[in-house]
Amino acid sequence: MTRPVLGELLTAMVTPFADDGTVNHESARRMARHLADTGSDGIVVCGTTGEGPTVNDREKLELLETVVSEVGPSASVVANTGSYDTHHSVALTRSALAAGVDGFLVVTPYYNKPPVDGIVAHYEAIAEAAEGRPVIVYNIPQRVVLNLEPALLARLSEIDNVIAVKQATADLDQARSILDHGGLELYAGNDDLLAPFLRLGGAGGICVASHIAGRRMREMVAQEPRIGNERPFDGRPVIEIIQLEQRFDQQRRQHGEQRHVQPRAVTPGQDSAWPSGPANSSGRGLRGRHWPGLRSRALSSTREFGCDA
């Protein structure tokens, strides 16, 4: 099977912040290196997990430059440049291209429910701005109201550098239709879809649990043949732990409590604990699988790691 141009296991990287709310670039370097060293052959920067909606364009571009300079050729770097504003998406795509990224993740225009021709025109404009670099369509109907049906995805596949779809819906019939058409590579957009999509013949996944279980997930995507594989890595326990940890963190914030986490390895013998990062501005660094300065800028966010990567 030919390896996908942007990789098989891509991680939607979290964005570390300092105490003052600025992006912590030193921690971002450590994070990107950790991902590249533990099985991710691609890194998505400033997606939803990376808080793209709350990071401004200047911060996004500076973070892209940081990650590109850190991982070099060891992993592809994919920039999230999609929004429902075509002109803004085009401008951001051009700027990210100048930063040296390898490809782009572009979500369906959300909220205003554009017609089919409008969606096609939106992706055509962004793909042109990408100047031949690959574009991944992001289909997440539960968040953007619109579902990109297989017939529409077939039209988008006719755009030369639109090469794949990140499919964040559990409709396996639709996933089969995408693969049957053959015009786009299929990436699992939710961690719990990685195994079933691989069994159908998908290219891989754009994941979140790979922050802490990257080596195990890399083993899973490397298994051949994929179709009929009966022993995939079950990432559900990892996903559930991350979700539970986030809920506890939200409760601590509500009660004004400080967070203290003892270092630990998540998957003994496979994935070591997250590398130690620098202390935050208070002089106290969190170690283990929790990152210094790693907190949500969107304080009211209800996003759950592992569900919508």
C-alpha atoms as a PDB file:
ATOM      1  CA  MET A   1       0.000   0.000   0.000  1.00  0.00           C
ATOM      2  CA  THR A   2       1.401   3.406  -0.977  1.00  0.00           C
ATOM      3  CA  ARG A   3       2.098   5.621   2.012  1.00  0.00           C
ATOM      4  CA  PRO A   4      -0.099   8.747   2.087  1.00  0.00           C
ATOM      5  CA  VAL A   5       1.879  11.858   1.182  1.00  0.00           C
ATOM      6  CA  LEU A   6       1.154  13.605   4.502  1.00  0.00           C
ATOM      7  CA  GLY A   7       1.502  10.482   6.609  1.00  0.00           C
ATOM      8  CA  GLU A   8      -0.663   7.819   8.213  1.00  0.00           C
ATOM      9  CA  LEU A   9      -0.771   8.877  11.857  1.00  0.00           C
ATOM     10  CA  LEU A  10      -1.193  12.626  12.167  1.00  0.00           C
ATOM     11  CA  THR A  11      -1.673  14.242  15.563  1.00  0.00           C
ATOM     12  CA  ALA A  12      -3.810  17.330  16.081  1.00  0.00           C
ATOM     13  CA  MET A  13      -1.325  18.999  18.408  1.00  0.00           C
ATOM     14  CA  VAL A  14      -2.454  20.878  21.491  1.00  0.00           C
ATOM     15  CA  THR A  15      -1.215  24.446  21.800  1.00  0.00           C
ATOM     16  CA  PRO A  16       0.674  25.192  25.051  1.00  0.00           C
ATOM     17  CA  PHE A  17       0.060  28.574  26.675  1.00  0.00           C
ATOM     18  CA  ALA A  18       2.051  30.501  29.262  1.00  0.00           C
ATOM     19  CA  ASP A  19       0.436  31.942  32.390  1.00  0.00           C
ATOM     20  CA  ASP A  20      -0.130  35.269  30.652  1.00  0.00           C
ATOM     21  CA  GLY A  21      -2.093  33.618  27.816  1.00  0.00           C
ATOM     22  CA  THR A  22       0.642  33.832  25.186  1.00  0.00           C
ATOM     23  CA  VAL A  23       1.738  30.800  23.180  1.00  0.00           C
ATOM     24  CA  ASN A  24       4.562  28.925  24.896  1.00  0.00           C
ATOM     25  CA  HIS A  25       6.936  28.230  22.014  1.00  0.00           C
ATOM     26  CA  GLU A  26       9.521  26.341  24.045  1.00  0.00           C
ATOM     27  CA  SER A  27       6.864  23.880  25.183  1.00  0.00           C
ATOM     28  CA  ALA A  28       5.507  23.708  21.631  1.00  0.00           C
ATOM     29  CA  ARG A  29       8.941  22.652  20.375  1.00  0.00           C
ATOM     30  CA  ARG A  30       9.148  19.930  22.986  1.00  0.00           C
ATOM     31  CA  MET A  31       5.633  18.798  22.172  1.00  0.00           C
ATOM     32  CA  ALA A  32       6.278  18.623  18.418  1.00  0.00           C
ATOM     33  CA  ARG A  33       9.527  16.717  18.935  1.00  0.00           C
ATOM     34  CA  HIS A  34       7.796  14.304  21.306  1.00  0.00           C
ATOM     35  CA  LEU A  35       5.095  13.602  18.709  1.00  0.00           C
ATOM     36  CA  ALA A  36       7.590  13.031  15.905  1.00  0.00           C
ATOM     37  CA  ASP A  37       9.636  10.733  18.148  1.00  0.00           C
ATOM     38  CA  THR A  38       6.684   8.616  19.294  1.00  0.00           C
ATOM     39  CA  GLY A  39       5.037   7.630  16.030  1.00  0.00           C
ATOM     40  CA  SER A  40       3.354  10.648  14.472  1.00  0.00           C
ATOM     41  CA  ASP A  41       4.495  11.169  10.895  1.00  0.00           C
ATOM     42  CA  GLY A  42       2.367  14.302  10.617  1.00  0.00           C
ATOM     43  CA  ILE A  43       1.383  17.160  12.941  1.00  0.00           C
ATOM     44  CA  VAL A  44      -1.704  19.341  12.517  1.00  0.00           C
ATOM     45  CA  VAL A  45      -1.154  22.797  14.002  1.00  0.00           C
ATOM     46  CA  CYS A  46      -3.932  25.012  15.358  1.00  0.00           C
ATOM     47  CA  GLY A  47      -6.800  22.688  14.630  1.00  0.00           C
ATOM     48  CA  THR A  48      -9.706  22.564  17.060  1.00  0.00           C
ATOM     49  CA  THR A  49      -7.608  20.631  19.581  1.00  0.00           C
ATOM     50  CA  GLY A  50      -4.896  23.269  19.093  1.00  0.00           C
ATOM     51  CA  GLU A  51      -7.459  26.001  19.797  1.00  0.00           C
ATOM     52  CA  GLY A  52      -7.364  27.428  16.298  1.00  0.00           C
ATOM     53  CA  PRO A  53     -10.534  29.493  16.900  1.00  0.00           C
ATOM     54  CA  THR A  54      -8.909  31.352  19.814  1.00  0.00           C
ATOM     55  CA  VAL A  55      -5.413  31.801  18.373  1.00  0.00           C
ATOM     56  CA  ASN A  56      -4.998  34.830  16.121  1.00  0.00           C
ATOM     57  CA  ASP A  57      -3.332  34.713  12.708  1.00  0.00           C
ATOM     58  CA  ARG A  58      -0.001  36.093  13.916  1.00  0.00           C
ATOM     59  CA  GLU A  59       0.153  33.492  16.671  1.00  0.00           C
ATOM     60  CA  LYS A  60      -0.771  30.717  14.242  1.00  0.00           C
ATOM     61  CA  LEU A  61       1.955  31.667  11.787  1.00  0.00           C
ATOM     62  CA  GLU A  62       4.594  31.984  14.507  1.00  0.00           C
ATOM     63  CA  LEU A  63       3.589  28.590  15.901  1.00  0.00           C
ATOM     64  CA  LEU A  64       3.744  27.042  12.429  1.00  0.00           C
ATOM     65  CA  GLU A  65       7.267  28.387  11.984  1.00  0.00           C
ATOM     66  CA  THR A  66       8.243  26.936  15.369  1.00  0.00           C
ATOM     67  CA  VAL A  67       6.909  23.470  14.585  1.00  0.00           C
ATOM     68  CA  VAL A  68       8.339  23.418  11.043  1.00  0.00           C
ATOM     69  CA  SER A  69      11.787  24.393  12.315  1.00  0.00           C
ATOM     70  CA  GLU A  70      11.655  21.782  15.083  1.00  0.00           C
ATOM     71  CA  VAL A  71      10.523  18.662  13.227  1.00  0.00           C
ATOM     72  CA  GLY A  72      12.060  19.391   9.828  1.00  0.00           C
ATOM     73  CA  PRO A  73      11.678  16.427   7.469  1.00  0.00           C
ATOM     74  CA  SER A  74      10.897  13.967  10.287  1.00  0.00           C
ATOM     75  CA  ALA A  75       7.157  14.749  10.139  1.00  0.00           C
ATOM     76  CA  SER A  76       4.839  16.638   7.841  1.00  0.00           C
ATOM     77  CA  VAL A  77       3.329  19.850   9.208  1.00  0.00           C
ATOM     78  CA  VAL A  78      -0.289  20.550   8.288  1.00  0.00           C
ATOM     79  CA  ALA A  79      -1.797  23.976   8.900  1.00  0.00           C
ATOM     80  CA  ASN A  80      -5.432  24.452   9.767  1.00  0.00           C
ATOM     81  CA  THR A  81      -6.416  27.367   7.530  1.00  0.00           C
ATOM     82  CA  GLY A  82     -10.135  26.776   7.114  1.00  0.00           C
ATOM     83  CA  SER A  83     -12.939  29.087   8.176  1.00  0.00           C
ATOM     84  CA  TYR A  84     -16.254  30.142   6.683  1.00  0.00           C
ATOM     85  CA  ASP A  85     -14.634  33.258   5.230  1.00  0.00           C
ATOM     86  CA  THR A  86     -13.114  32.268   1.886  1.00  0.00           C
ATOM     87  CA  HIS A  87     -10.963  35.406   1.569  1.00  0.00           C
ATOM     88  CA  HIS A  88      -9.521  34.973   5.043  1.00  0.00           C
ATOM     89  CA  SER A  89      -8.881  31.264   4.469  1.00  0.00           C
ATOM     90  CA  VAL A  90      -7.068  32.056   1.209  1.00  0.00           C
ATOM     91  CA  ALA A  91      -4.913  34.723   2.860  1.00  0.00           C
ATOM     92  CA  LEU A  92      -4.037  32.464   5.782  1.00  0.00           C
ATOM     93  CA  THR A  93      -3.220  29.591   3.423  1.00  0.00           C
ATOM     94  CA  ARG A  94      -0.788  31.790   1.491  1.00  0.00           C
ATOM     95  CA  SER A  95       0.889  32.949   4.686  1.00  0.00           C
ATOM     96  CA  ALA A  96       1.139  29.390   6.043  1.00  0.00           C
ATOM     97  CA  LEU A  97       2.636  28.273   2.738  1.00  0.00           C
ATOM     98  CA  ALA A  98       5.361  30.889   3.178  1.00  0.00           C
ATOM     99  CA  ALA A  99       6.008  29.478   6.661  1.00  0.00           C
ATOM    100  CA  GLY A 100       7.011  26.177   5.061  1.00  0.00           C
ATOM    101  CA  VAL A 101       4.104  23.858   5.855  1.00  0.00           C
ATOM    102  CA  ASP A 102       3.556  20.659   3.914  1.00  0.00           C
ATOM    103  CA  GLY A 103      -0.221  20.744   3.612  1.00  0.00           C
ATOM    104  CA  PHE A 104      -3.498  22.200   4.800  1.00  0.00           C
ATOM    105  CA  LEU A 105      -6.577  21.082   6.708  1.00  0.00           C
ATOM    106  CA  VAL A 106      -9.707  22.952   5.622  1.00  0.00           C
ATOM    107  CA  VAL A 107     -13.038  22.566   7.402  1.00  0.00           C
ATOM    108  CA  THR A 108     -16.387  22.854   5.664  1.00  0.00           C
ATOM    109  CA  PRO A 109     -17.692  26.461   5.859  1.00  0.00           C
ATOM    110  CA  TYR A 110     -19.769  26.439   9.009  1.00  0.00           C
ATOM    111  CA  TYR A 111     -22.940  28.112  10.272  1.00  0.00           C
ATOM    112  CA  ASN A 112     -24.110  29.802   7.062  1.00  0.00           C
ATOM    113  CA  LYS A 113     -24.861  26.533   5.181  1.00  0.00           C
ATOM    114  CA  PRO A 114     -23.525  27.426   1.707  1.00  0.00           C
ATOM    115  CA  PRO A 115     -24.900  25.606  -1.369  1.00  0.00           C
ATOM    116  CA  VAL A 116     -22.926  22.855  -3.065  1.00  0.00           C
ATOM    117  CA  ASP A 117     -21.476  25.167  -5.720  1.00  0.00           C
ATOM    118  CA  GLY A 118     -20.393  27.592  -3.004  1.00  0.00           C
ATOM    119  CA  ILE A 119     -18.591  24.842  -1.112  1.00  0.00           C
ATOM    120  CA  VAL A 120     -16.786  23.739  -4.277  1.00  0.00           C
ATOM    121  CA  ALA A 121     -15.776  27.336  -5.060  1.00  0.00           C
ATOM    122  CA  HIS A 122     -14.517  27.762  -1.479  1.00  0.00           C
ATOM    123  CA  TYR A 123     -12.213  24.744  -1.734  1.00  0.00           C
ATOM    124  CA  GLU A 124     -11.092  25.666  -5.258  1.00  0.00           C
ATOM    125  CA  ALA A 125      -9.933  29.085  -4.048  1.00  0.00           C
ATOM    126  CA  ILE A 126      -8.042  27.666  -1.074  1.00  0.00           C
ATOM    127  CA  ALA A 127      -6.481  24.884  -3.145  1.00  0.00           C
ATOM    128  CA  GLU A 128      -5.261  27.451  -5.677  1.00  0.00           C
ATOM    129  CA  ALA A 129      -3.669  29.478  -2.865  1.00  0.00           C
ATOM    130  CA  ALA A 130      -1.914  26.317  -1.683  1.00  0.00           C
ATOM    131  CA  GLU A 131       0.071  26.290  -4.935  1.00  0.00           C
ATOM    132  CA  GLY A 132       0.051  22.522  -5.344  1.00  0.00           C
ATOM    133  CA  ARG A 133       0.527  21.582  -1.702  1.00  0.00           C
ATOM    134  CA  PRO A 134      -1.985  18.940  -0.571  1.00  0.00           C
ATOM    135  CA  VAL A 135      -5.301  19.941   0.980  1.00  0.00           C
ATOM    136  CA  ILE A 136      -7.336  17.747   3.337  1.00  0.00           C
ATOM    137  CA  VAL A 137     -11.077  18.392   3.466  1.00  0.00           C
ATOM    138  CA  TYR A 138     -12.480  18.263   7.006  1.00  0.00           C
ATOM    139  CA  ASN A 139     -16.003  16.814   7.161  1.00  0.00           C
ATOM    140  CA  ILE A 140     -17.506  17.169  10.640  1.00  0.00           C
ATOM    141  CA  PRO A 141     -21.254  17.602  10.123  1.00  0.00           C
ATOM    142  CA  GLN A 142     -22.164  17.542  13.811  1.00  0.00           C
ATOM    143  CA  ARG A 143     -20.205  20.780  14.267  1.00  0.00           C
ATOM    144  CA  VAL A 144     -20.756  22.655  10.989  1.00  0.00           C
ATOM    145  CA  VAL A 145     -24.378  21.611  10.229  1.00  0.00           C
ATOM    146  CA  LEU A 146     -23.556  20.381   6.715  1.00  0.00           C
ATOM    147  CA  ASN A 147     -22.515  16.869   5.758  1.00  0.00           C
ATOM    148  CA  LEU A 148     -20.265  16.511   2.727  1.00  0.00           C
ATOM    149  CA  GLU A 149     -22.012  13.669   0.932  1.00  0.00           C
ATOM    150  CA  PRO A 150     -19.947  11.260  -1.205  1.00  0.00           C
ATOM    151  CA  ALA A 151     -21.161  12.893  -4.437  1.00  0.00           C
ATOM    152  CA  LEU A 152     -19.876  16.281  -3.266  1.00  0.00           C
ATOM    153  CA  LEU A 153     -16.611  14.783  -2.057  1.00  0.00           C
ATOM    154  CA  ALA A 154     -16.231  13.240  -5.510  1.00  0.00           C
ATOM    155  CA  ARG A 155     -16.494  16.742  -6.999  1.00  0.00           C
ATOM    156  CA  LEU A 156     -13.919  18.071  -4.563  1.00  0.00           C
ATOM    157  CA  SER A 157     -11.568  15.229  -5.503  1.00  0.00           C
ATOM    158  CA  GLU A 158     -11.446  16.678  -9.009  1.00  0.00           C
ATOM    159  CA  ILE A 159      -9.469  19.629  -7.627  1.00  0.00           C
ATOM    160  CA  ASP A 160      -5.886  18.620  -8.334  1.00  0.00           C
ATOM    161  CA  ASN A 161      -4.360  19.075  -4.879  1.00  0.00           C
ATOM    162  CA  VAL A 162      -7.381  18.116  -2.765  1.00  0.00           C
ATOM    163  CA  ILE A 163      -6.145  14.671  -1.800  1.00  0.00           C
ATOM    164  CA  ALA A 164      -7.984  13.460   1.308  1.00  0.00           C
ATOM    165  CA  VAL A 165     -10.898  13.870   3.677  1.00  0.00           C
ATOM    166  CA  LYS A 166     -10.775  13.890   7.453  1.00  0.00           C
ATOM    167  CA  GLN A 167     -14.052  12.148   8.170  1.00  0.00           C
ATOM    168  CA  ALA A 168     -15.364  12.837  11.682  1.00  0.00           C
ATOM    169  CA  THR A 169     -18.624  10.942  11.409  1.00  0.00           C
ATOM    170  CA  ALA A 170     -19.269   7.315  12.287  1.00  0.00           C
ATOM    171  CA  ASP A 171     -21.284   6.579   9.133  1.00  0.00           C
ATOM    172  CA  LEU A 172     -19.383   3.560   7.829  1.00  0.00           C
ATOM    173  CA  ASP A 173     -21.521   3.388   4.685  1.00  0.00           C
ATOM    174  CA  GLN A 174     -20.365   6.874   3.773  1.00  0.00           C
ATOM    175  CA  ALA A 175     -16.772   5.901   4.529  1.00  0.00           C
ATOM    176  CA  ARG A 176     -17.113   2.902   2.203  1.00  0.00           C
ATOM    177  CA  SER A 177     -18.553   5.135  -0.527  1.00  0.00           C
ATOM    178  CA  ILE A 178     -15.564   7.462  -0.261  1.00  0.00           C
ATOM    179  CA  LEU A 179     -13.170   4.545  -0.597  1.00  0.00           C
ATOM    180  CA  ASP A 180     -15.163   2.972  -3.420  1.00  0.00           C
ATOM    181  CA  HIS A 181     -14.926   6.193  -5.421  1.00  0.00           C
ATOM    182  CA  GLY A 182     -11.176   6.249  -4.881  1.00  0.00           C
ATOM    183  CA  GLY A 183     -10.644   9.948  -5.447  1.00  0.00           C
ATOM    184  CA  LEU A 184      -9.719  10.848  -1.864  1.00  0.00           C
ATOM    185  CA  GLU A 185      -7.702   9.217   0.876  1.00  0.00           C
ATOM    186  CA  LEU A 186      -9.772   8.592   4.003  1.00  0.00           C
ATOM    187  CA  TYR A 187      -8.546   9.712   7.435  1.00  0.00           C
ATOM    188  CA  ALA A 188     -10.398   8.954  10.654  1.00  0.00           C
ATOM    189  CA  GLY A 189     -11.340  12.261  12.245  1.00  0.00           C
ATOM    190  CA  ASN A 190     -12.177  10.758  15.635  1.00  0.00           C
ATOM    191  CA  ASP A 191      -9.842   8.484  17.566  1.00  0.00           C
ATOM    192  CA  ASP A 192     -12.543   5.856  17.998  1.00  0.00           C
ATOM    193  CA  LEU A 193     -12.945   5.658  14.210  1.00  0.00           C
ATOM    194  CA  LEU A 194      -9.300   4.825  13.526  1.00  0.00           C
ATOM    195  CA  ALA A 195      -9.635   1.047  13.837  1.00  0.00           C
ATOM    196  CA  PRO A 196     -12.874   0.677  11.815  1.00  0.00           C
ATOM    197  CA  PHE A 197     -11.616   3.005   9.078  1.00  0.00           C
ATOM    198  CA  LEU A 198      -8.342   1.097   8.814  1.00  0.00           C
ATOM    199  CA  ARG A 199     -10.267  -2.152   8.492  1.00  0.00           C
ATOM    200  CA  LEU A 200     -12.180  -0.611   5.583  1.00  0.00           C
ATOM    201  CA  GLY A 201      -8.912   0.385   3.904  1.00  0.00           C
ATOM    202  CA  GLY A 202      -8.504   3.968   5.110  1.00  0.00           C
ATOM    203  CA  ALA A 203      -5.208   5.850   4.969  1.00  0.00           C
ATOM    204  CA  GLY A 204      -4.908   6.494   8.719  1.00  0.00           C
ATOM    205  CA  GLY A 205      -6.150   9.036  11.197  1.00  0.00           C
ATOM    206  CA  ILE A 206      -5.827  12.577  12.474  1.00  0.00           C
ATOM    207  CA  CYS A 207      -5.835  11.800  16.166  1.00  0.00           C
ATOM    208  CA  VAL A 208      -5.463  13.188  19.671  1.00  0.00           C
ATOM    209  CA  ALA A 209      -4.781  10.161  21.885  1.00  0.00           C
ATOM    210  CA  SER A 210      -1.525   9.826  19.932  1.00  0.00           C
ATOM    211  CA  HIS A 211      -0.133  12.539  22.210  1.00  0.00           C
ATOM    212  CA  ILE A 212       0.226   9.830  24.853  1.00  0.00           C
ATOM    213  CA  ALA A 213      -0.191   6.523  23.011  1.00  0.00           C
ATOM    214  CA  GLY A 214       1.622   7.329  19.801  1.00  0.00           C
ATOM    215  CA  ARG A 215       3.795   4.244  19.568  1.00  0.00           C
ATOM    216  CA  ARG A 216       0.873   1.888  20.099  1.00  0.00           C
ATOM    217  CA  MET A 217      -1.225   3.728  17.518  1.00  0.00           C
ATOM    218  CA  ARG A 218       1.699   3.677  15.096  1.00  0.00           C
ATOM    219  CA  GLU A 219       1.842  -0.103  15.475  1.00  0.00           C
ATOM    220  CA  MET A 220      -1.844  -0.273  14.702  1.00  0.00           C
ATOM    221  CA  VAL A 221      -1.676   1.712  11.463  1.00  0.00           C
ATOM    222  CA  ALA A 222       1.388  -0.263  10.376  1.00  0.00           C
ATOM    223  CA  GLN A 223      -0.364  -3.633  10.586  1.00  0.00           C
ATOM    224  CA  GLU A 224      -1.036  -5.375   7.263  1.00  0.00           C
ATOM    225  CA  PRO A 225      -3.357  -6.415   5.842  1.00  0.00           C
ATOM    226  CA  ARG A 226      -5.677  -3.797   7.281  1.00  0.00           C
ATOM    227  CA  ILE A 227      -8.866  -5.233   5.910  1.00  0.00           C
ATOM    228  CA  GLY A 228      -9.922  -8.103   8.165  1.00  0.00           C
ATOM    229  CA  ASN A 229      -7.442  -7.248  10.923  1.00  0.00           C
ATOM    230  CA  GLU A 230      -8.999  -8.558  14.114  1.00  0.00           C
ATOM    231  CA  ARG A 231      -6.525  -7.273  16.706  1.00  0.00           C
ATOM    232  CA  PRO A 232      -6.278  -3.487  16.470  1.00  0.00           C
ATOM    233  CA  PHE A 233      -5.047  -1.308  19.324  1.00  0.00           C
ATOM    234  CA  ASP A 234      -8.071  -0.378  21.424  1.00  0.00           C
ATOM    235  CA  GLY A 235      -7.637   3.292  22.255  1.00  0.00           C
ATOM    236  CA  ARG A 236     -10.906   3.672  24.153  1.00  0.00           C
ATOM    237  CA  PRO A 237      -9.351   3.475  27.653  1.00  0.00           C
ATOM    238  CA  VAL A 238      -6.857   6.211  26.746  1.00  0.00           C
ATOM    239  CA  ILE A 239      -9.607   8.394  25.269  1.00  0.00           C
ATOM    240  CA  GLU A 240     -11.796   7.912  28.337  1.00  0.00           C
ATOM    241  CA  ILE A 241      -8.927   8.827  30.682  1.00  0.00           C
ATOM    242  CA  ILE A 242      -8.227  12.029  28.743  1.00  0.00           C
ATOM    243  CA  GLN A 243     -11.899  13.006  28.785  1.00  0.00           C
ATOM    244  CA  LEU A 244     -12.197  12.291  32.511  1.00  0.00           C
ATOM    245  CA  GLU A 245      -9.015  14.253  33.245  1.00  0.00           C
ATOM    246  CA  GLN A 246     -10.393  17.243  31.343  1.00  0.00           C
ATOM    247  CA  ARG A 247     -13.664  17.144  33.232  1.00  0.00           C
ATOM    248  CA  PHE A 248     -11.782  17.080  36.539  1.00  0.00           C
ATOM    249  CA  ASP A 249      -9.666  20.011  35.343  1.00  0.00           C
ATOM    250  CA  GLN A 250     -12.779  22.021  34.504  1.00  0.00           C
ATOM    251  CA  GLN A 251     -14.171  21.323  37.963  1.00  0.00           C
ATOM    252  CA  ARG A 252     -10.915  22.421  39.582  1.00  0.00           C
ATOM    253  CA  ARG A 253     -11.052  25.661  37.624  1.00  0.00           C
ATOM    254  CA  GLN A 254     -14.591  26.306  38.758  1.00  0.00           C
ATOM    255  CA  HIS A 255     -13.531  25.853  42.394  1.00  0.00           C
ATOM    256  CA  GLY A 256     -10.287  27.789  42.009  1.00  0.00           C
ATOM    257  CA  GLU A 257      -8.086  24.831  42.909  1.00  0.00           C
ATOM    258  CA  GLN A 258      -4.486  24.404  41.777  1.00  0.00           C
ATOM    259  CA  ARG A 259      -3.665  21.344  39.708  1.00  0.00           C
ATOM    260  CA  HIS A 260      -0.909  18.983  40.754  1.00  0.00           C
ATOM    261  CA  VAL A 261      -0.088  15.874  38.755  1.00  0.00           C
ATOM    262  CA  GLN A 262       2.516  13.273  39.595  1.00  0.00           C
ATOM    263  CA  PRO A 263       4.658  12.113  36.650  1.00  0.00           C
ATOM    264  CA  ARG A 264       3.708   8.762  35.246  1.00  0.00           C
ATOM    265  CA  ALA A 265       4.105   6.701  32.108  1.00  0.00           C
ATOM    266  CA  VAL A 266       0.814   6.171  30.323  1.00  0.00           C
ATOM    267  CA  THR A 267       1.636   2.937  28.517  1.00  0.00           C
ATOM    268  CA  PRO A 268       4.472   1.107  30.286  1.00  0.00           C
ATOM    269  CA  GLY A 269       6.892  -0.489  27.886  1.00  0.00           C
ATOM    270  CA  GLN A 270       5.494   1.394  24.918  1.00  0.00           C
ATOM    271  CA  ASP A 271       5.107   5.127  25.510  1.00  0.00           C
ATOM    272  CA  SER A 272       7.202   6.914  28.087  1.00  0.00           C
ATOM    273  CA  ALA A 273       5.838   9.793  30.100  1.00  0.00           C
ATOM    274  CA  TRP A 274       5.667  13.069  28.248  1.00  0.00           C
ATOM    275  CA  PRO A 275       9.045  14.796  28.252  1.00  0.00           C
ATOM    276  CA  SER A 276       9.641  17.279  31.021  1.00  0.00           C
ATOM    277  CA  GLY A 277       9.035  20.860  29.993  1.00  0.00           C
ATOM    278  CA  PRO A 278      10.293  24.146  31.387  1.00  0.00           C
ATOM    279  CA  ALA A 279       8.663  25.634  34.435  1.00  0.00           C
ATOM    280  CA  ASN A 280       5.905  28.107  33.699  1.00  0.00           C
ATOM    281  CA  SER A 281       6.189  31.746  34.667  1.00  0.00           C
ATOM    282  CA  SER A 282       5.242  30.933  38.274  1.00  0.00           C
ATOM    283  CA  GLY A 283       8.375  28.774  38.478  1.00  0.00           C
ATOM    284  CA  ARG A 284       6.391  25.537  38.810  1.00  0.00           C
ATOM    285  CA  GLY A 285       6.377  23.092  35.902  1.00  0.00           C
ATOM    286  CA  LEU A 286       3.959  20.204  35.468  1.00  0.00           C
ATOM    287  CA  ARG A 287       5.710  16.977  34.500  1.00  0.00           C
ATOM    288  CA  GLY A 288       4.632  13.608  33.193  1.00  0.00           C
ATOM    289  CA  ARG A 289       1.988  13.534  30.521  1.00  0.00           C
ATOM    290  CA  HIS A 290       0.711  17.023  31.419  1.00  0.00           C
ATOM    291  CA  TRP A 291       2.442  19.918  29.767  1.00  0.00           C
ATOM    292  CA  PRO A 292       3.596  23.134  31.442  1.00  0.00           C
ATOM    293  CA  GLY A 293       1.335  25.990  30.405  1.00  0.00           C
ATOM    294  CA  LEU A 294      -1.105  23.555  28.804  1.00  0.00           C
ATOM    295  CA  ARG A 295      -4.528  25.021  29.436  1.00  0.00           C
ATOM    296  CA  SER A 296      -7.412  26.188  27.356  1.00  0.00           C
ATOM    297  CA  ARG A 297      -7.552  29.789  26.255  1.00  0.00           C
ATOM    298  CA  ALA A 298     -11.277  29.276  25.700  1.00  0.00           C
ATOM    299  CA  LEU A 299     -12.188  29.002  29.376  1.00  0.00           C
ATOM    300  CA  SER A 300     -15.781  28.042  28.609  1.00  0.00           C
ATOM    301  CA  SER A 301     -14.766  25.337  26.130  1.00  0.00           C
ATOM    302  CA  THR A 302     -16.608  22.024  26.338  1.00  0.00           C
ATOM    303  CA  ARG A 303     -14.366  20.334  23.770  1.00  0.00           C
ATOM    304  CA  GLU A 304     -13.372  16.803  24.719  1.00  0.00           C
ATOM    305  CA  PHE A 305     -10.017  15.426  23.614  1.00  0.00           C
ATOM    306  CA  GLY A 306     -10.391  12.332  21.499  1.00  0.00           C
ATOM    307  CA  CYS A 307     -13.892  13.105  20.241  1.00  0.00           C
ATOM    308  CA  ASP A 308     -13.380  15.934  17.781  1.00  0.00           C
ATOM    309  CA  ALA A 309      -9.673  16.087  17.071  1.00  0.00           C
END
